[in-house]
């Protein structure tokens, strides 16, 4: 009876060791995935901020170019009159 108990105990010990290793591997994989997703999120937030700034600059430049063209168009008849 004692031998059977020791055999079962040994098998359970092996099972728990293997199972703990699997759980540790799963936890490491989840941690790595979380870190990767966090890095991607930071990157996308940074890029969104950059795109917002770029869009604002493009809008302002377009307005300035449009104003310049309208002033040139308004000045053309005055130049022709002179």
N, C-alpha and C. Protein backbone atom coordinates (compact mmCIF):
# COMPACT_ATOMS: atom_id res chain seq x y z
N UNK A 1 0.82 -1.19 0.00
CA UNK A 1 0.00 0.00 0.00
C UNK A 1 0.86 1.26 0.00
N UNK A 2 1.94 1.23 0.78
CA UNK A 2 2.83 2.38 0.86
C UNK A 2 3.52 2.61 -0.47
N UNK A 3 3.88 1.54 -1.16
CA UNK A 3 4.53 1.67 -2.47
C UNK A 3 3.59 2.31 -3.48
N UNK A 4 2.32 1.91 -3.43
CA UNK A 4 1.33 2.47 -4.34
C UNK A 4 1.16 3.97 -4.07
N UNK A 5 1.08 4.32 -2.80
CA UNK A 5 0.93 5.73 -2.43
C UNK A 5 2.15 6.53 -2.90
N UNK A 6 3.34 5.98 -2.73
CA UNK A 6 4.55 6.67 -3.17
C UNK A 6 4.58 6.82 -4.69
N UNK A 7 4.12 5.80 -5.40
CA UNK A 7 4.08 5.87 -6.86
C UNK A 7 3.09 6.95 -7.32
N UNK A 8 1.92 6.96 -6.69
CA UNK A 8 0.92 7.98 -7.03
C UNK A 8 1.44 9.36 -6.68
N UNK A 9 2.07 9.47 -5.52
CA UNK A 9 2.62 10.74 -5.08
C UNK A 9 3.69 11.23 -6.06
N UNK A 10 4.53 10.32 -6.52
CA UNK A 10 5.57 10.67 -7.48
C UNK A 10 4.96 11.13 -8.81
N UNK A 11 3.93 10.40 -9.25
CA UNK A 11 3.27 10.77 -10.51
C UNK A 11 2.59 12.13 -10.38
N UNK A 12 1.94 12.37 -9.25
CA UNK A 12 1.27 13.66 -9.04
C UNK A 12 2.28 14.79 -8.97
N UNK A 13 3.42 14.51 -8.34
CA UNK A 13 4.48 15.52 -8.27
C UNK A 13 4.94 15.89 -9.67
N UNK A 14 5.16 14.88 -10.51
CA UNK A 14 5.57 15.12 -11.89
C UNK A 14 4.50 15.91 -12.64
N UNK A 15 3.23 15.50 -12.44
CA UNK A 15 2.12 16.19 -13.11
C UNK A 15 2.09 17.66 -12.71
N UNK A 16 2.20 17.92 -11.39
CA UNK A 16 2.14 19.31 -10.93
C UNK A 16 3.34 20.11 -11.42
N UNK A 17 4.51 19.50 -11.48
CA UNK A 17 5.69 20.19 -11.99
C UNK A 17 5.48 20.58 -13.45
N UNK A 18 4.99 19.63 -14.24
CA UNK A 18 4.75 19.91 -15.67
C UNK A 18 3.64 20.94 -15.82
N UNK A 19 2.58 20.79 -15.04
CA UNK A 19 1.46 21.73 -15.12
C UNK A 19 1.90 23.13 -14.72
N UNK A 20 2.71 23.25 -13.67
CA UNK A 20 3.23 24.57 -13.25
C UNK A 20 4.07 25.20 -14.35
N UNK A 21 4.87 24.39 -15.02
CA UNK A 21 5.69 24.90 -16.11
C UNK A 21 4.81 25.42 -17.25
N UNK A 22 3.76 24.69 -17.55
CA UNK A 22 2.83 25.14 -18.61
C UNK A 22 2.16 26.45 -18.23
N UNK A 23 1.72 26.54 -16.98
CA UNK A 23 1.07 27.77 -16.52
C UNK A 23 2.07 28.93 -16.56
N UNK A 24 3.30 28.68 -16.16
CA UNK A 24 4.33 29.73 -16.22
C UNK A 24 4.58 30.18 -17.66
N UNK A 25 4.62 29.22 -18.58
CA UNK A 25 4.81 29.56 -20.00
C UNK A 25 3.64 30.37 -20.52
N UNK A 26 2.42 29.99 -20.14
CA UNK A 26 1.23 30.73 -20.57
C UNK A 26 1.25 32.16 -20.01
N UNK A 27 1.63 32.28 -18.73
CA UNK A 27 1.70 33.61 -18.11
C UNK A 27 2.74 34.48 -18.80
N UNK A 28 3.88 33.89 -19.16
CA UNK A 28 4.92 34.64 -19.86
C UNK A 28 4.44 35.08 -21.24
N UNK A 29 3.73 34.21 -21.94
CA UNK A 29 3.20 34.56 -23.26
C UNK A 29 2.18 35.68 -23.15
N UNK A 30 1.33 35.63 -22.16
CA UNK A 30 0.32 36.69 -21.96
C UNK A 30 1.00 38.00 -21.61
N UNK A 31 2.02 37.95 -20.75
CA UNK A 31 2.75 39.16 -20.37
C UNK A 31 3.44 39.79 -21.60
N UNK A 32 4.06 38.94 -22.43
CA UNK A 32 4.73 39.45 -23.64
C UNK A 32 3.72 40.07 -24.59
N UNK A 33 2.57 39.42 -24.75
CA UNK A 33 1.54 39.96 -25.63
C UNK A 33 1.03 41.29 -25.11
N UNK A 34 0.85 41.39 -23.80
CA UNK A 34 0.39 42.65 -23.20
C UNK A 34 1.40 43.77 -23.44
N UNK A 35 2.68 43.46 -23.28
CA UNK A 35 3.71 44.47 -23.51
C UNK A 35 3.72 44.91 -24.97
N UNK A 36 3.58 43.96 -25.89
CA UNK A 36 3.56 44.29 -27.31
C UNK A 36 2.35 45.16 -27.65
N UNK A 37 1.19 44.79 -27.14
CA UNK A 37 -0.01 45.59 -27.40
C UNK A 37 0.11 46.98 -26.78
N UNK A 38 0.72 47.08 -25.61
CA UNK A 38 0.91 48.39 -24.98
C UNK A 38 1.83 49.27 -25.83
N UNK A 39 2.89 48.67 -26.36
CA UNK A 39 3.80 49.42 -27.24
C UNK A 39 3.09 49.88 -28.50
N UNK A 40 2.28 48.99 -29.08
CA UNK A 40 1.53 49.36 -30.28
C UNK A 40 0.55 50.48 -29.98
N UNK A 41 -0.11 50.43 -28.82
CA UNK A 41 -1.06 51.48 -28.44
C UNK A 41 -0.35 52.82 -28.30
N UNK A 42 0.81 52.82 -27.62
CA UNK A 42 1.57 54.06 -27.48
C UNK A 42 1.98 54.61 -28.85
N UNK A 43 2.40 53.71 -29.75
CA UNK A 43 2.81 54.12 -31.08
C UNK A 43 1.64 54.76 -31.83
N UNK A 44 0.47 54.11 -31.77
CA UNK A 44 -0.69 54.65 -32.48
C UNK A 44 -1.15 55.98 -31.90
N UNK A 45 -1.08 56.11 -30.57
CA UNK A 45 -1.45 57.39 -29.95
C UNK A 45 -0.49 58.48 -30.40
N UNK A 46 0.82 58.16 -30.42
CA UNK A 46 1.81 59.13 -30.89
C UNK A 46 1.56 59.51 -32.34
N UNK A 47 1.28 58.51 -33.17
CA UNK A 47 1.04 58.77 -34.59
C UNK A 47 -0.22 59.60 -34.80
N UNK A 48 -1.26 59.32 -34.01
CA UNK A 48 -2.50 60.09 -34.12
C UNK A 48 -2.24 61.54 -33.77
N UNK A 49 -1.44 61.77 -32.71
CA UNK A 49 -1.09 63.14 -32.34
C UNK A 49 -0.31 63.82 -33.44
N UNK A 50 0.61 63.10 -34.07
CA UNK A 50 1.40 63.66 -35.17
C UNK A 50 0.51 63.97 -36.36
N UNK A 51 -0.44 63.08 -36.64
CA UNK A 51 -1.35 63.32 -37.77
C UNK A 51 -2.24 64.53 -37.51
N UNK A 52 -2.66 64.72 -36.26
CA UNK A 52 -3.50 65.87 -35.93
C UNK A 52 -2.71 67.16 -36.14
N UNK A 53 -1.48 67.18 -35.68
CA UNK A 53 -0.63 68.37 -35.86
C UNK A 53 -0.39 68.61 -37.34
N UNK A 54 -0.07 67.55 -38.08
CA UNK A 54 0.19 67.68 -39.51
C UNK A 54 -1.05 68.19 -40.24
N UNK A 55 -2.21 67.67 -39.87
CA UNK A 55 -3.46 68.11 -40.50
C UNK A 55 -3.71 69.58 -40.23
N UNK A 56 -3.47 70.03 -39.02
CA UNK A 56 -3.66 71.44 -38.67
C UNK A 56 -2.71 72.32 -39.48
N UNK A 57 -1.45 71.90 -39.58
CA UNK A 57 -0.47 72.68 -40.36
C UNK A 57 -0.88 72.72 -41.82
N UNK A 58 -1.32 71.60 -42.37
CA UNK A 58 -1.74 71.57 -43.78
C UNK A 58 -2.93 72.49 -44.01
N UNK A 59 -3.87 72.49 -43.09
CA UNK A 59 -5.04 73.36 -43.22
C UNK A 59 -4.62 74.83 -43.21
N UNK A 60 -3.75 75.19 -42.29
CA UNK A 60 -3.28 76.59 -42.22
C UNK A 60 -2.52 76.97 -43.48
N UNK A 61 -1.66 76.08 -43.96
CA UNK A 61 -0.91 76.38 -45.18
C UNK A 61 -1.85 76.53 -46.38
N UNK A 62 -2.84 75.66 -46.47
CA UNK A 62 -3.80 75.76 -47.57
C UNK A 62 -4.56 77.09 -47.51
N UNK A 63 -4.93 77.51 -46.30
CA UNK A 63 -5.63 78.80 -46.17
C UNK A 63 -4.72 79.95 -46.60
N UNK A 64 -3.44 79.90 -46.22
CA UNK A 64 -2.52 80.97 -46.60
C UNK A 64 -2.29 81.00 -48.11
N UNK A 65 -2.15 79.83 -48.73
CA UNK A 65 -1.95 79.78 -50.18
C UNK A 65 -3.21 80.30 -50.89
N UNK A 66 -4.37 79.89 -50.38
CA UNK A 66 -5.63 80.37 -50.97
C UNK A 66 -5.74 81.89 -50.86
N UNK A 67 -5.41 82.43 -49.71
CA UNK A 67 -5.44 83.89 -49.53
C UNK A 67 -4.45 84.57 -50.46
N UNK A 68 -3.27 84.00 -50.60
CA UNK A 68 -2.26 84.58 -51.48
C UNK A 68 -2.75 84.58 -52.93
N UNK A 69 -3.35 83.48 -53.36
CA UNK A 69 -3.87 83.40 -54.74
C UNK A 69 -4.98 84.40 -54.94
N UNK A 70 -5.87 84.54 -53.94
CA UNK A 70 -6.94 85.53 -54.11
C UNK A 70 -6.41 86.94 -54.17
N UNK A 71 -5.38 87.24 -53.36
CA UNK A 71 -4.79 88.57 -53.43
C UNK A 71 -4.13 88.80 -54.78
N UNK A 72 -3.46 87.78 -55.32
CA UNK A 72 -2.84 87.90 -56.65
C UNK A 72 -3.91 88.15 -57.70
N UNK A 73 -5.04 87.44 -57.57
CA UNK A 73 -6.13 87.63 -58.53
C UNK A 73 -6.71 89.04 -58.42
N UNK A 74 -6.82 89.55 -57.20
CA UNK A 74 -7.35 90.90 -56.99
C UNK A 74 -6.36 91.96 -57.49
N UNK A 75 -5.07 91.67 -57.41
CA UNK A 75 -4.07 92.63 -57.83
C UNK A 75 -3.90 92.68 -59.35
N UNK A 76 -4.28 91.61 -60.05
CA UNK A 76 -4.08 91.54 -61.49
C UNK A 76 -4.77 92.69 -62.24
N UNK A 77 -6.05 93.00 -61.97
CA UNK A 77 -6.66 94.14 -62.69
C UNK A 77 -5.98 95.46 -62.36
N UNK A 78 -5.50 95.61 -61.12
CA UNK A 78 -4.82 96.85 -60.73
C UNK A 78 -3.50 96.99 -61.50
N UNK A 79 -2.77 95.89 -61.67
CA UNK A 79 -1.53 95.92 -62.43
C UNK A 79 -1.80 96.21 -63.89
N UNK A 80 -2.86 95.64 -64.41
CA UNK A 80 -3.17 95.85 -65.81
C UNK A 80 -3.60 97.32 -66.06
N UNK A 81 -4.25 97.91 -65.06
CA UNK A 81 -4.67 99.30 -65.19
C UNK A 81 -3.48 100.25 -65.19
N UNK A 82 -2.41 99.86 -64.51
CA UNK A 82 -1.24 100.73 -64.46
C UNK A 82 -0.46 100.53 -65.71
